Amino acid sequence: MLILRSSPSSPFVRKIRIAASVLGVDGEIAIESADTVNPTDTVRQQNPLGKIPALVLEDGVVLFDSRVILDYLDHRAGGGLIVPKDPRARFAALRLQALADGIMDASILLVYEARWRPSERHEPKWIEHQAGKVTRALASLESAPPELAARPDVGDIALACALGYRDFRFGEAWRNDHPRLVAWLDQFAARVPSFAATKPAG
């Protein structure tokens, strides 16, 4: 049995859970919570960076970074399922995943700025810098939303999680200026039941 160190609010953990469901390997994974700010949590021994997701394999090897874990799960399921083998499709999927992961990274940094610094110590230039990444990425995606195949690839899964995280942490304001992305996400949710099943609460 694989062990996924996780937090229900992490969009990167959500990527893993959705991918596992799409690949049909979710029954092989046990979910175990991790507290990344607790210095005594064993996640720091499993991943020296102290970050989630971290996937503990049956032999004790630990994989970390969601992109590495998704590649492993695709390999475990037979390969070429969510990480395309065709070079053109492969790099399109990886490129989309990188863009969506960048949206999530910038969004999380904005959450941390609000959570860990008192308002009088917020750095406007830092906030503007991170918010600008999100704004530009969403505008680029709105101009040309990706095509959604019958089975979503790693790029599709990452983008759905990025948009879901914006809903979760920042409300639905992004939807007003991005109707094509809203339609894309609705289509993804209709095709991938695990998207709703992994929605973070509260």
N, C-alpha and C. Protein backbone atom coordinates (compact mmCIF):
# COMPACT_ATOMS: atom_id res chain seq x y z
N MET A 1 0.84 -1.20 0.00
CA MET A 1 0.00 0.00 0.00
C MET A 1 0.88 1.25 0.00
N LEU A 2 0.57 2.17 -0.89
CA LEU A 2 1.25 3.46 -0.92
C LEU A 2 0.66 4.36 0.16
N ILE A 3 1.45 5.27 0.68
CA ILE A 3 0.98 6.23 1.68
C ILE A 3 1.20 7.64 1.15
N LEU A 4 0.13 8.41 1.08
CA LEU A 4 0.21 9.79 0.62
C LEU A 4 0.12 10.72 1.82
N ARG A 5 1.23 11.40 2.13
CA ARG A 5 1.22 12.41 3.19
C ARG A 5 0.55 13.65 2.62
N SER A 6 -0.42 14.16 3.34
CA SER A 6 -1.29 15.13 2.69
C SER A 6 -1.93 16.11 3.66
N SER A 7 -2.59 17.10 3.08
CA SER A 7 -3.48 18.02 3.78
C SER A 7 -4.68 18.23 2.88
N PRO A 8 -5.88 18.24 3.44
CA PRO A 8 -7.07 18.35 2.59
C PRO A 8 -7.17 19.68 1.84
N SER A 9 -6.43 20.69 2.28
CA SER A 9 -6.52 21.99 1.61
C SER A 9 -5.47 22.19 0.53
N SER A 10 -4.52 21.27 0.41
CA SER A 10 -3.44 21.44 -0.55
C SER A 10 -3.89 21.15 -1.98
N PRO A 11 -3.73 22.12 -2.90
CA PRO A 11 -4.10 21.84 -4.29
C PRO A 11 -3.16 20.84 -4.94
N PHE A 12 -1.93 20.74 -4.45
CA PHE A 12 -0.98 19.78 -5.00
C PHE A 12 -1.32 18.36 -4.57
N VAL A 13 -1.81 18.20 -3.36
CA VAL A 13 -2.32 16.89 -2.94
C VAL A 13 -3.56 16.54 -3.75
N ARG A 14 -4.39 17.52 -4.01
CA ARG A 14 -5.60 17.27 -4.80
C ARG A 14 -5.23 16.75 -6.19
N LYS A 15 -4.16 17.29 -6.76
CA LYS A 15 -3.68 16.78 -8.05
C LYS A 15 -3.44 15.27 -7.99
N ILE A 16 -2.77 14.84 -6.92
CA ILE A 16 -2.43 13.43 -6.79
C ILE A 16 -3.70 12.59 -6.66
N ARG A 17 -4.61 13.04 -5.83
CA ARG A 17 -5.82 12.27 -5.58
C ARG A 17 -6.68 12.15 -6.84
N ILE A 18 -6.79 13.23 -7.60
CA ILE A 18 -7.57 13.18 -8.83
C ILE A 18 -6.88 12.27 -9.84
N ALA A 19 -5.57 12.42 -9.98
CA ALA A 19 -4.84 11.58 -10.93
C ALA A 19 -4.97 10.11 -10.57
N ALA A 20 -4.86 9.79 -9.28
CA ALA A 20 -4.98 8.40 -8.85
C ALA A 20 -6.35 7.83 -9.22
N SER A 21 -7.38 8.65 -9.08
CA SER A 21 -8.72 8.20 -9.44
C SER A 21 -8.85 8.00 -10.94
N VAL A 22 -8.33 8.94 -11.72
CA VAL A 22 -8.38 8.83 -13.17
C VAL A 22 -7.66 7.57 -13.65
N LEU A 23 -6.55 7.25 -12.98
CA LEU A 23 -5.74 6.10 -13.36
C LEU A 23 -6.27 4.78 -12.77
N GLY A 24 -7.20 4.88 -11.85
CA GLY A 24 -7.75 3.68 -11.23
C GLY A 24 -6.85 3.05 -10.19
N VAL A 25 -5.94 3.85 -9.61
CA VAL A 25 -5.03 3.31 -8.58
C VAL A 25 -5.31 3.92 -7.21
N ASP A 26 -6.41 4.64 -7.08
CA ASP A 26 -6.70 5.28 -5.79
C ASP A 26 -6.90 4.26 -4.67
N GLY A 27 -7.33 3.05 -5.00
CA GLY A 27 -7.49 2.02 -3.98
C GLY A 27 -6.18 1.50 -3.45
N GLU A 28 -5.08 1.87 -4.09
CA GLU A 28 -3.75 1.43 -3.66
C GLU A 28 -3.06 2.45 -2.77
N ILE A 29 -3.77 3.55 -2.46
CA ILE A 29 -3.15 4.66 -1.72
C ILE A 29 -3.89 4.92 -0.42
N ALA A 30 -3.17 4.92 0.67
CA ALA A 30 -3.72 5.33 1.96
C ALA A 30 -3.37 6.79 2.20
N ILE A 31 -4.33 7.57 2.65
CA ILE A 31 -4.12 8.99 2.90
C ILE A 31 -3.74 9.18 4.36
N GLU A 32 -2.63 9.87 4.59
CA GLU A 32 -2.16 10.13 5.95
C GLU A 32 -1.84 11.62 6.07
N SER A 33 -2.48 12.29 7.01
CA SER A 33 -2.30 13.73 7.13
C SER A 33 -0.89 14.08 7.59
N ALA A 34 -0.47 15.26 7.24
CA ALA A 34 0.84 15.77 7.65
C ALA A 34 0.69 17.23 8.06
N ASP A 35 1.43 17.62 9.07
CA ASP A 35 1.45 19.01 9.53
C ASP A 35 2.82 19.58 9.20
N THR A 36 2.90 20.33 8.13
CA THR A 36 4.20 20.79 7.64
C THR A 36 4.84 21.86 8.52
N VAL A 37 4.08 22.48 9.41
CA VAL A 37 4.66 23.49 10.30
C VAL A 37 5.04 22.92 11.67
N ASN A 38 4.75 21.65 11.88
CA ASN A 38 5.09 20.99 13.14
C ASN A 38 6.47 20.34 13.00
N PRO A 39 7.46 20.81 13.74
CA PRO A 39 8.82 20.27 13.57
C PRO A 39 8.96 18.81 13.96
N THR A 40 7.98 18.26 14.67
CA THR A 40 8.06 16.85 15.08
C THR A 40 7.34 15.92 14.11
N ASP A 41 6.67 16.48 13.10
CA ASP A 41 5.96 15.63 12.15
C ASP A 41 6.97 14.85 11.31
N THR A 42 6.71 13.58 11.10
CA THR A 42 7.65 12.72 10.38
C THR A 42 7.78 13.08 8.90
N VAL A 43 6.92 13.96 8.40
CA VAL A 43 7.04 14.35 7.00
C VAL A 43 8.41 14.98 6.73
N ARG A 44 9.02 15.58 7.76
CA ARG A 44 10.33 16.21 7.58
C ARG A 44 11.45 15.17 7.43
N GLN A 45 11.21 13.98 7.94
CA GLN A 45 12.16 12.91 7.71
C GLN A 45 11.91 12.24 6.35
N GLN A 46 10.66 12.21 5.95
CA GLN A 46 10.31 11.59 4.67
C GLN A 46 10.69 12.48 3.49
N ASN A 47 10.50 13.77 3.65
CA ASN A 47 10.89 14.75 2.65
C ASN A 47 11.70 15.83 3.36
N PRO A 48 12.99 15.93 3.11
CA PRO A 48 13.80 16.92 3.81
C PRO A 48 13.29 18.35 3.68
N LEU A 49 12.53 18.63 2.62
CA LEU A 49 11.96 19.95 2.44
C LEU A 49 10.75 20.17 3.34
N GLY A 50 10.24 19.10 3.93
CA GLY A 50 9.07 19.22 4.80
C GLY A 50 7.80 19.60 4.08
N LYS A 51 7.72 19.26 2.80
CA LYS A 51 6.58 19.67 1.98
C LYS A 51 5.71 18.47 1.61
N ILE A 52 4.47 18.78 1.31
CA ILE A 52 3.54 17.79 0.78
C ILE A 52 3.14 18.23 -0.63
N PRO A 53 2.72 17.25 -1.43
CA PRO A 53 2.55 15.82 -1.15
C PRO A 53 3.88 15.08 -1.13
N ALA A 54 3.88 14.02 -0.33
CA ALA A 54 4.99 13.06 -0.33
C ALA A 54 4.36 11.68 -0.40
N LEU A 55 4.87 10.86 -1.30
CA LEU A 55 4.30 9.53 -1.51
C LEU A 55 5.31 8.48 -1.05
N VAL A 56 4.92 7.71 -0.05
CA VAL A 56 5.78 6.66 0.50
C VAL A 56 5.47 5.37 -0.25
N LEU A 57 6.47 4.83 -0.95
CA LEU A 57 6.28 3.60 -1.71
C LEU A 57 6.39 2.38 -0.80
N GLU A 58 6.01 1.23 -1.34
CA GLU A 58 6.01 0.00 -0.54
C GLU A 58 7.40 -0.35 0.00
N ASP A 59 8.44 0.04 -0.72
CA ASP A 59 9.80 -0.28 -0.27
C ASP A 59 10.40 0.80 0.63
N GLY A 60 9.60 1.81 0.98
CA GLY A 60 10.06 2.86 1.87
C GLY A 60 10.63 4.08 1.17
N VAL A 61 10.88 3.99 -0.14
CA VAL A 61 11.34 5.16 -0.89
C VAL A 61 10.22 6.20 -0.90
N VAL A 62 10.60 7.45 -0.74
CA VAL A 62 9.61 8.53 -0.71
C VAL A 62 9.79 9.42 -1.93
N LEU A 63 8.71 9.63 -2.66
CA LEU A 63 8.71 10.54 -3.80
C LEU A 63 8.04 11.83 -3.39
N PHE A 64 8.61 12.95 -3.80
CA PHE A 64 7.98 14.23 -3.50
C PHE A 64 8.06 15.15 -4.69
N ASP A 65 7.24 16.17 -4.65
CA ASP A 65 6.88 17.08 -5.73
C ASP A 65 5.76 16.40 -6.53
N SER A 66 4.68 17.12 -6.68
CA SER A 66 3.50 16.51 -7.32
C SER A 66 3.79 16.03 -8.73
N ARG A 67 4.67 16.72 -9.45
CA ARG A 67 4.96 16.32 -10.83
C ARG A 67 5.66 14.96 -10.87
N VAL A 68 6.59 14.76 -9.94
CA VAL A 68 7.28 13.48 -9.87
C VAL A 68 6.29 12.36 -9.50
N ILE A 69 5.42 12.65 -8.55
CA ILE A 69 4.45 11.64 -8.10
C ILE A 69 3.49 11.28 -9.23
N LEU A 70 3.03 12.27 -9.98
CA LEU A 70 2.11 11.98 -11.08
C LEU A 70 2.79 11.14 -12.15
N ASP A 71 4.06 11.42 -12.42
CA ASP A 71 4.79 10.63 -13.39
C ASP A 71 4.91 9.18 -12.90
N TYR A 72 5.16 9.02 -11.61
CA TYR A 72 5.27 7.67 -11.05
C TYR A 72 3.94 6.92 -11.15
N LEU A 73 2.84 7.60 -10.79
CA LEU A 73 1.54 6.94 -10.83
C LEU A 73 1.17 6.55 -12.26
N ASP A 74 1.50 7.42 -13.22
CA ASP A 74 1.24 7.09 -14.62
C ASP A 74 2.04 5.84 -15.02
N HIS A 75 3.31 5.79 -14.62
CA HIS A 75 4.15 4.62 -14.89
C HIS A 75 3.57 3.37 -14.24
N ARG A 76 3.13 3.52 -12.99
CA ARG A 76 2.58 2.38 -12.25
C ARG A 76 1.33 1.83 -12.92
N ALA A 77 0.55 2.72 -13.53
CA ALA A 77 -0.71 2.31 -14.17
C ALA A 77 -0.51 1.80 -15.59
N GLY A 78 0.71 1.81 -16.08
CA GLY A 78 0.97 1.29 -17.42
C GLY A 78 1.67 2.26 -18.35
N GLY A 79 1.64 3.54 -18.02
CA GLY A 79 2.37 4.53 -18.79
C GLY A 79 1.58 5.11 -19.94
N GLY A 80 1.81 6.38 -20.22
CA GLY A 80 1.17 7.04 -21.35
C GLY A 80 -0.29 7.34 -21.17
N LEU A 81 -0.78 7.32 -19.94
CA LEU A 81 -2.21 7.52 -19.69
C LEU A 81 -2.53 8.98 -19.36
N ILE A 82 -1.81 9.55 -18.40
CA ILE A 82 -2.00 10.98 -18.11
C ILE A 82 -0.76 11.79 -18.46
N VAL A 83 0.34 11.10 -18.74
CA VAL A 83 1.56 11.74 -19.27
C VAL A 83 1.74 11.17 -20.68
N PRO A 84 1.30 11.90 -21.69
CA PRO A 84 1.31 11.35 -23.05
C PRO A 84 2.70 10.91 -23.50
N LYS A 85 2.74 9.89 -24.35
CA LYS A 85 4.01 9.42 -24.91
C LYS A 85 4.40 10.21 -26.15
N ASP A 86 3.42 10.60 -26.95
CA ASP A 86 3.71 11.39 -28.14
C ASP A 86 4.39 12.70 -27.73
N PRO A 87 5.55 13.02 -28.29
CA PRO A 87 6.30 14.19 -27.83
C PRO A 87 5.51 15.49 -27.86
N ARG A 88 4.77 15.74 -28.91
CA ARG A 88 4.02 16.99 -29.02
C ARG A 88 2.98 17.10 -27.90
N ALA A 89 2.22 16.02 -27.71
CA ALA A 89 1.19 16.02 -26.66
C ALA A 89 1.83 16.03 -25.27
N ARG A 90 2.94 15.32 -25.13
CA ARG A 90 3.63 15.25 -23.83
C ARG A 90 4.07 16.64 -23.37
N PHE A 91 4.76 17.36 -24.25
CA PHE A 91 5.28 18.65 -23.81
C PHE A 91 4.19 19.71 -23.70
N ALA A 92 3.11 19.55 -24.43
CA ALA A 92 1.96 20.43 -24.25
C ALA A 92 1.36 20.22 -22.86
N ALA A 93 1.23 18.95 -22.45
CA ALA A 93 0.69 18.63 -21.13
C ALA A 93 1.61 19.11 -20.01
N LEU A 94 2.91 18.89 -20.18
CA LEU A 94 3.87 19.31 -19.16
C LEU A 94 3.94 20.84 -19.06
N ARG A 95 3.83 21.50 -20.20
CA ARG A 95 3.84 22.97 -20.20
C ARG A 95 2.61 23.51 -19.46
N LEU A 96 1.45 22.94 -19.75
CA LEU A 96 0.24 23.37 -19.07
C LEU A 96 0.34 23.10 -17.57
N GLN A 97 0.88 21.94 -17.22
CA GLN A 97 1.05 21.63 -15.80
C GLN A 97 1.96 22.66 -15.13
N ALA A 98 3.05 23.04 -15.78
CA ALA A 98 3.96 24.03 -15.20
C ALA A 98 3.26 25.37 -15.00
N LEU A 99 2.44 25.77 -15.97
CA LEU A 99 1.72 27.04 -15.85
C LEU A 99 0.72 26.98 -14.70
N ALA A 100 -0.03 25.90 -14.62
CA ALA A 100 -1.03 25.75 -13.56
C ALA A 100 -0.35 25.65 -12.19
N ASP A 101 0.76 24.92 -12.12
CA ASP A 101 1.49 24.84 -10.85
C ASP A 101 1.99 26.22 -10.43
N GLY A 102 2.39 27.04 -11.41
CA GLY A 102 2.82 28.40 -11.09
C GLY A 102 1.69 29.23 -10.51
N ILE A 103 0.48 29.04 -11.02
CA ILE A 103 -0.69 29.73 -10.44
C ILE A 103 -0.87 29.31 -8.99
N MET A 104 -0.75 28.02 -8.73
CA MET A 104 -0.92 27.53 -7.37
C MET A 104 0.19 28.02 -6.45
N ASP A 105 1.44 27.99 -6.94
CA ASP A 105 2.55 28.47 -6.12
C ASP A 105 2.34 29.93 -5.72
N ALA A 106 2.02 30.78 -6.69
CA ALA A 106 1.83 32.20 -6.41
C ALA A 106 0.64 32.42 -5.48
N SER A 107 -0.42 31.65 -5.68
CA SER A 107 -1.61 31.78 -4.83
C SER A 107 -1.30 31.39 -3.40
N ILE A 108 -0.55 30.31 -3.22
CA ILE A 108 -0.19 29.88 -1.87
C ILE A 108 0.69 30.92 -1.18
N LEU A 109 1.62 31.52 -1.92
CA LEU A 109 2.46 32.56 -1.32
C LEU A 109 1.62 33.76 -0.87
N LEU A 110 0.58 34.08 -1.61
CA LEU A 110 -0.32 35.16 -1.20
C LEU A 110 -1.08 34.78 0.06
N VAL A 111 -1.50 33.53 0.15
CA VAL A 111 -2.17 33.06 1.36
C VAL A 111 -1.23 33.15 2.56
N TYR A 112 0.02 32.72 2.37
CA TYR A 112 0.99 32.77 3.47
C TYR A 112 1.30 34.20 3.89
N GLU A 113 1.38 35.10 2.93
CA GLU A 113 1.63 36.51 3.26
C GLU A 113 0.53 37.04 4.18
N ALA A 114 -0.72 36.70 3.86
CA ALA A 114 -1.84 37.16 4.68
C ALA A 114 -1.90 36.44 6.02
N ARG A 115 -1.50 35.18 6.03
CA ARG A 115 -1.63 34.36 7.24
C ARG A 115 -0.50 34.60 8.24
N TRP A 116 0.70 34.79 7.75
CA TRP A 116 1.87 34.79 8.62
C TRP A 116 2.47 36.16 8.91
N ARG A 117 1.99 37.18 8.23
CA ARG A 117 2.46 38.53 8.52
C ARG A 117 1.29 39.40 8.95
N PRO A 118 1.46 40.23 9.97
CA PRO A 118 0.41 41.19 10.30
C PRO A 118 0.21 42.17 9.14
N SER A 119 -0.99 42.68 9.01
CA SER A 119 -1.33 43.50 7.85
C SER A 119 -0.39 44.69 7.68
N GLU A 120 0.09 45.27 8.77
CA GLU A 120 0.97 46.42 8.66
C GLU A 120 2.36 46.07 8.11
N ARG A 121 2.66 44.78 8.06
CA ARG A 121 3.95 44.34 7.54
C ARG A 121 3.84 43.69 6.15
N HIS A 122 2.64 43.72 5.57
CA HIS A 122 2.51 43.19 4.22
C HIS A 122 3.34 44.01 3.25
N GLU A 123 3.96 43.34 2.31
CA GLU A 123 4.82 44.01 1.33
C GLU A 123 4.05 44.15 0.01
N PRO A 124 3.56 45.37 -0.30
CA PRO A 124 2.74 45.55 -1.50
C PRO A 124 3.43 45.11 -2.79
N LYS A 125 4.73 45.35 -2.92
CA LYS A 125 5.42 44.95 -4.14
C LYS A 125 5.45 43.43 -4.30
N TRP A 126 5.62 42.73 -3.18
CA TRP A 126 5.63 41.26 -3.21
C TRP A 126 4.25 40.73 -3.58
N ILE A 127 3.22 41.31 -2.99
CA ILE A 127 1.85 40.90 -3.28
C ILE A 127 1.53 41.15 -4.75
N GLU A 128 1.92 42.33 -5.23
CA GLU A 128 1.67 42.67 -6.64
C GLU A 128 2.42 41.72 -7.57
N HIS A 129 3.63 41.36 -7.18
CA HIS A 129 4.45 40.47 -7.99
C HIS A 129 3.79 39.10 -8.15
N GLN A 130 3.32 38.54 -7.03
CA GLN A 130 2.68 37.23 -7.08
C GLN A 130 1.33 37.29 -7.77
N ALA A 131 0.54 38.32 -7.45
CA ALA A 131 -0.78 38.46 -8.08
C ALA A 131 -0.65 38.63 -9.58
N GLY A 132 0.41 39.31 -10.01
CA GLY A 132 0.63 39.51 -11.44
C GLY A 132 0.84 38.20 -12.19
N LYS A 133 1.53 37.26 -11.55
CA LYS A 133 1.72 35.95 -12.16
C LYS A 133 0.38 35.28 -12.43
N VAL A 134 -0.50 35.34 -11.44
CA VAL A 134 -1.82 34.72 -11.58
C VAL A 134 -2.63 35.41 -12.66
N THR A 135 -2.63 36.74 -12.64
CA THR A 135 -3.40 37.50 -13.63
C THR A 135 -2.96 37.19 -15.05
N ARG A 136 -1.65 37.18 -15.27
CA ARG A 136 -1.15 36.92 -16.63
C ARG A 136 -1.43 35.49 -17.07
N ALA A 137 -1.26 34.55 -16.14
CA ALA A 137 -1.50 33.15 -16.49
C ALA A 137 -2.96 32.89 -16.83
N LEU A 138 -3.86 33.45 -16.04
CA LEU A 138 -5.29 33.26 -16.31
C LEU A 138 -5.68 33.92 -17.63
N ALA A 139 -5.11 35.08 -17.91
CA ALA A 139 -5.42 35.77 -19.17
C ALA A 139 -4.94 34.94 -20.36
N SER A 140 -3.76 34.37 -20.23
CA SER A 140 -3.22 33.53 -21.31
C SER A 140 -4.10 32.31 -21.54
N LEU A 141 -4.52 31.68 -20.47
CA LEU A 141 -5.37 30.49 -20.58
C LEU A 141 -6.76 30.83 -21.10
N GLU A 142 -7.29 31.99 -20.70
CA GLU A 142 -8.60 32.41 -21.18
C GLU A 142 -8.57 32.64 -22.68
N SER A 143 -7.46 33.12 -23.19
CA SER A 143 -7.37 33.40 -24.64
C SER A 143 -7.35 32.13 -25.46
N ALA A 144 -6.90 31.04 -24.85
CA ALA A 144 -6.82 29.76 -25.58
C ALA A 144 -6.92 28.61 -24.58
N PRO A 145 -8.13 28.32 -24.08
CA PRO A 145 -8.28 27.22 -23.13
C PRO A 145 -7.84 25.89 -23.76
N PRO A 146 -7.25 25.02 -22.98
CA PRO A 146 -6.80 23.73 -23.54
C PRO A 146 -7.98 22.86 -23.95
N GLU A 147 -7.73 22.01 -24.92
CA GLU A 147 -8.74 21.03 -25.28
C GLU A 147 -8.74 19.92 -24.24
N LEU A 148 -9.92 19.48 -23.86
CA LEU A 148 -10.03 18.45 -22.83
C LEU A 148 -10.32 17.12 -23.49
N ALA A 149 -9.37 16.19 -23.36
CA ALA A 149 -9.54 14.86 -23.95
C ALA A 149 -10.45 14.00 -23.08
N ALA A 150 -10.80 12.84 -23.59
CA ALA A 150 -11.68 11.94 -22.83
C ALA A 150 -11.06 11.59 -21.48
N ARG A 151 -9.76 11.33 -21.48
CA ARG A 151 -9.03 11.14 -20.22
C ARG A 151 -8.14 12.36 -20.01
N PRO A 152 -8.33 13.11 -18.93
CA PRO A 152 -7.51 14.29 -18.71
C PRO A 152 -6.04 13.92 -18.51
N ASP A 153 -5.16 14.81 -18.94
CA ASP A 153 -3.74 14.58 -18.71
C ASP A 153 -3.26 15.41 -17.53
N VAL A 154 -1.96 15.36 -17.26
CA VAL A 154 -1.44 16.04 -16.08
C VAL A 154 -1.67 17.55 -16.15
N GLY A 155 -1.65 18.11 -17.36
CA GLY A 155 -1.91 19.53 -17.49
C GLY A 155 -3.34 19.89 -17.13
N ASP A 156 -4.27 19.10 -17.63
CA ASP A 156 -5.69 19.33 -17.33
C ASP A 156 -5.95 19.22 -15.82
N ILE A 157 -5.39 18.20 -15.21
CA ILE A 157 -5.61 17.97 -13.78
C ILE A 157 -5.04 19.13 -12.97
N ALA A 158 -3.84 19.58 -13.34
CA ALA A 158 -3.22 20.69 -12.62
C ALA A 158 -4.03 21.97 -12.78
N LEU A 159 -4.52 22.23 -13.99
CA LEU A 159 -5.29 23.45 -14.21
C LEU A 159 -6.59 23.42 -13.41
N ALA A 160 -7.27 22.29 -13.40
CA ALA A 160 -8.51 22.19 -12.61
C ALA A 160 -8.22 22.46 -11.14
N CYS A 161 -7.11 21.95 -10.64
CA CYS A 161 -6.78 22.17 -9.23
C CYS A 161 -6.41 23.62 -8.96
N ALA A 162 -5.74 24.26 -9.92
CA ALA A 162 -5.39 25.67 -9.76
C ALA A 162 -6.64 26.54 -9.70
N LEU A 163 -7.58 26.29 -10.61
CA LEU A 163 -8.82 27.07 -10.60
C LEU A 163 -9.65 26.76 -9.36
N GLY A 164 -9.67 25.50 -8.95
CA GLY A 164 -10.37 25.14 -7.74
C GLY A 164 -9.77 25.81 -6.51
N TYR A 165 -8.45 25.96 -6.50
CA TYR A 165 -7.80 26.62 -5.36
C TYR A 165 -8.12 28.10 -5.35
N ARG A 166 -8.22 28.72 -6.51
CA ARG A 166 -8.63 30.14 -6.53
C ARG A 166 -10.04 30.29 -5.96
N ASP A 167 -10.94 29.39 -6.32
CA ASP A 167 -12.28 29.42 -5.73
C ASP A 167 -12.22 29.26 -4.22
N PHE A 168 -11.42 28.33 -3.75
CA PHE A 168 -11.34 27.97 -2.33
C PHE A 168 -10.76 29.09 -1.48
N ARG A 169 -9.69 29.68 -1.92
CA ARG A 169 -8.97 30.66 -1.09
C ARG A 169 -9.29 32.11 -1.41
N PHE A 170 -9.75 32.40 -2.63
CA PHE A 170 -9.91 33.79 -3.04
C PHE A 170 -11.31 34.13 -3.53
N GLY A 171 -12.24 33.18 -3.40
CA GLY A 171 -13.58 33.42 -3.88
C GLY A 171 -13.66 33.26 -5.39
N GLU A 172 -14.78 33.63 -5.95
CA GLU A 172 -15.03 33.35 -7.36
C GLU A 172 -14.85 34.57 -8.26
N ALA A 173 -14.12 35.57 -7.78
CA ALA A 173 -13.95 36.80 -8.57
C ALA A 173 -13.27 36.53 -9.91
N TRP A 174 -12.36 35.55 -9.95
CA TRP A 174 -11.66 35.24 -11.20
C TRP A 174 -12.62 34.84 -12.31
N ARG A 175 -13.76 34.30 -11.93
CA ARG A 175 -14.71 33.79 -12.91
C ARG A 175 -15.32 34.90 -13.77
N ASN A 176 -15.45 36.10 -13.22
CA ASN A 176 -16.11 37.19 -13.95
C ASN A 176 -15.42 37.53 -15.26
N ASP A 177 -14.09 37.46 -15.27
CA ASP A 177 -13.32 37.87 -16.45
C ASP A 177 -12.81 36.69 -17.27
N HIS A 178 -13.22 35.48 -16.90
CA HIS A 178 -12.67 34.30 -17.58
C HIS A 178 -13.78 33.28 -17.89
N PRO A 179 -14.78 33.68 -18.68
CA PRO A 179 -15.91 32.77 -18.94
C PRO A 179 -15.50 31.49 -19.66
N ARG A 180 -14.49 31.56 -20.51
CA ARG A 180 -14.08 30.35 -21.23
C ARG A 180 -13.42 29.35 -20.27
N LEU A 181 -12.67 29.86 -19.31
CA LEU A 181 -12.08 28.97 -18.31
C LEU A 181 -13.14 28.39 -17.38
N VAL A 182 -14.14 29.19 -17.07
CA VAL A 182 -15.26 28.68 -16.26
C VAL A 182 -15.93 27.52 -16.97
N ALA A 183 -16.19 27.69 -18.27
CA ALA A 183 -16.82 26.62 -19.05
C ALA A 183 -15.91 25.39 -19.10
N TRP A 184 -14.61 25.63 -19.25
CA TRP A 184 -13.66 24.52 -19.28
C TRP A 184 -13.70 23.75 -17.95
N LEU A 185 -13.71 24.48 -16.83
CA LEU A 185 -13.72 23.82 -15.53
C LEU A 185 -15.02 23.06 -15.30
N ASP A 186 -16.13 23.61 -15.76
CA ASP A 186 -17.41 22.91 -15.65
C ASP A 186 -17.37 21.59 -16.43
N GLN A 187 -16.76 21.64 -17.60
CA GLN A 187 -16.64 20.43 -18.41
C GLN A 187 -15.74 19.41 -17.71
N PHE A 188 -14.64 19.87 -17.16
CA PHE A 188 -13.74 18.97 -16.44
C PHE A 188 -14.47 18.32 -15.27
N ALA A 189 -15.18 19.11 -14.49
CA ALA A 189 -15.88 18.59 -13.31
C ALA A 189 -16.93 17.56 -13.71
N ALA A 190 -17.58 17.77 -14.86
CA ALA A 190 -18.60 16.83 -15.31
C ALA A 190 -17.99 15.50 -15.73
N ARG A 191 -16.77 15.54 -16.24
CA ARG A 191 -16.12 14.32 -16.72
C ARG A 191 -15.33 13.59 -15.63
N VAL A 192 -14.93 14.33 -14.60
CA VAL A 192 -14.02 13.77 -13.58
C VAL A 192 -14.69 13.88 -12.21
N PRO A 193 -15.42 12.85 -11.79
CA PRO A 193 -16.13 12.92 -10.51
C PRO A 193 -15.23 13.18 -9.31
N SER A 194 -13.96 12.77 -9.39
CA SER A 194 -13.07 12.96 -8.25
C SER A 194 -12.75 14.44 -8.01
N PHE A 195 -13.04 15.31 -8.98
CA PHE A 195 -12.84 16.73 -8.75
C PHE A 195 -13.76 17.22 -7.64
N ALA A 196 -15.03 16.86 -7.71
CA ALA A 196 -15.98 17.22 -6.65
C ALA A 196 -15.67 16.47 -5.36
N ALA A 197 -15.28 15.21 -5.49
CA ALA A 197 -15.03 14.38 -4.30
C ALA A 197 -13.84 14.87 -3.50
N THR A 198 -12.91 15.60 -4.13
CA THR A 198 -11.72 16.09 -3.44
C THR A 198 -11.80 17.56 -3.10
N LYS A 199 -12.95 18.16 -3.26
CA LYS A 199 -13.10 19.59 -2.97
C LYS A 199 -12.80 19.85 -1.51
N PRO A 200 -11.90 20.80 -1.20
CA PRO A 200 -11.61 21.09 0.21
C PRO A 200 -12.80 21.74 0.90
N ALA A 201 -12.96 21.42 2.16
CA ALA A 201 -14.10 21.95 2.92
C ALA A 201 -13.71 23.24 3.63
N GLY A 202 -14.69 24.10 3.75
CA GLY A 202 -14.49 25.34 4.54
C GLY A 202 -13.50 26.26 3.95
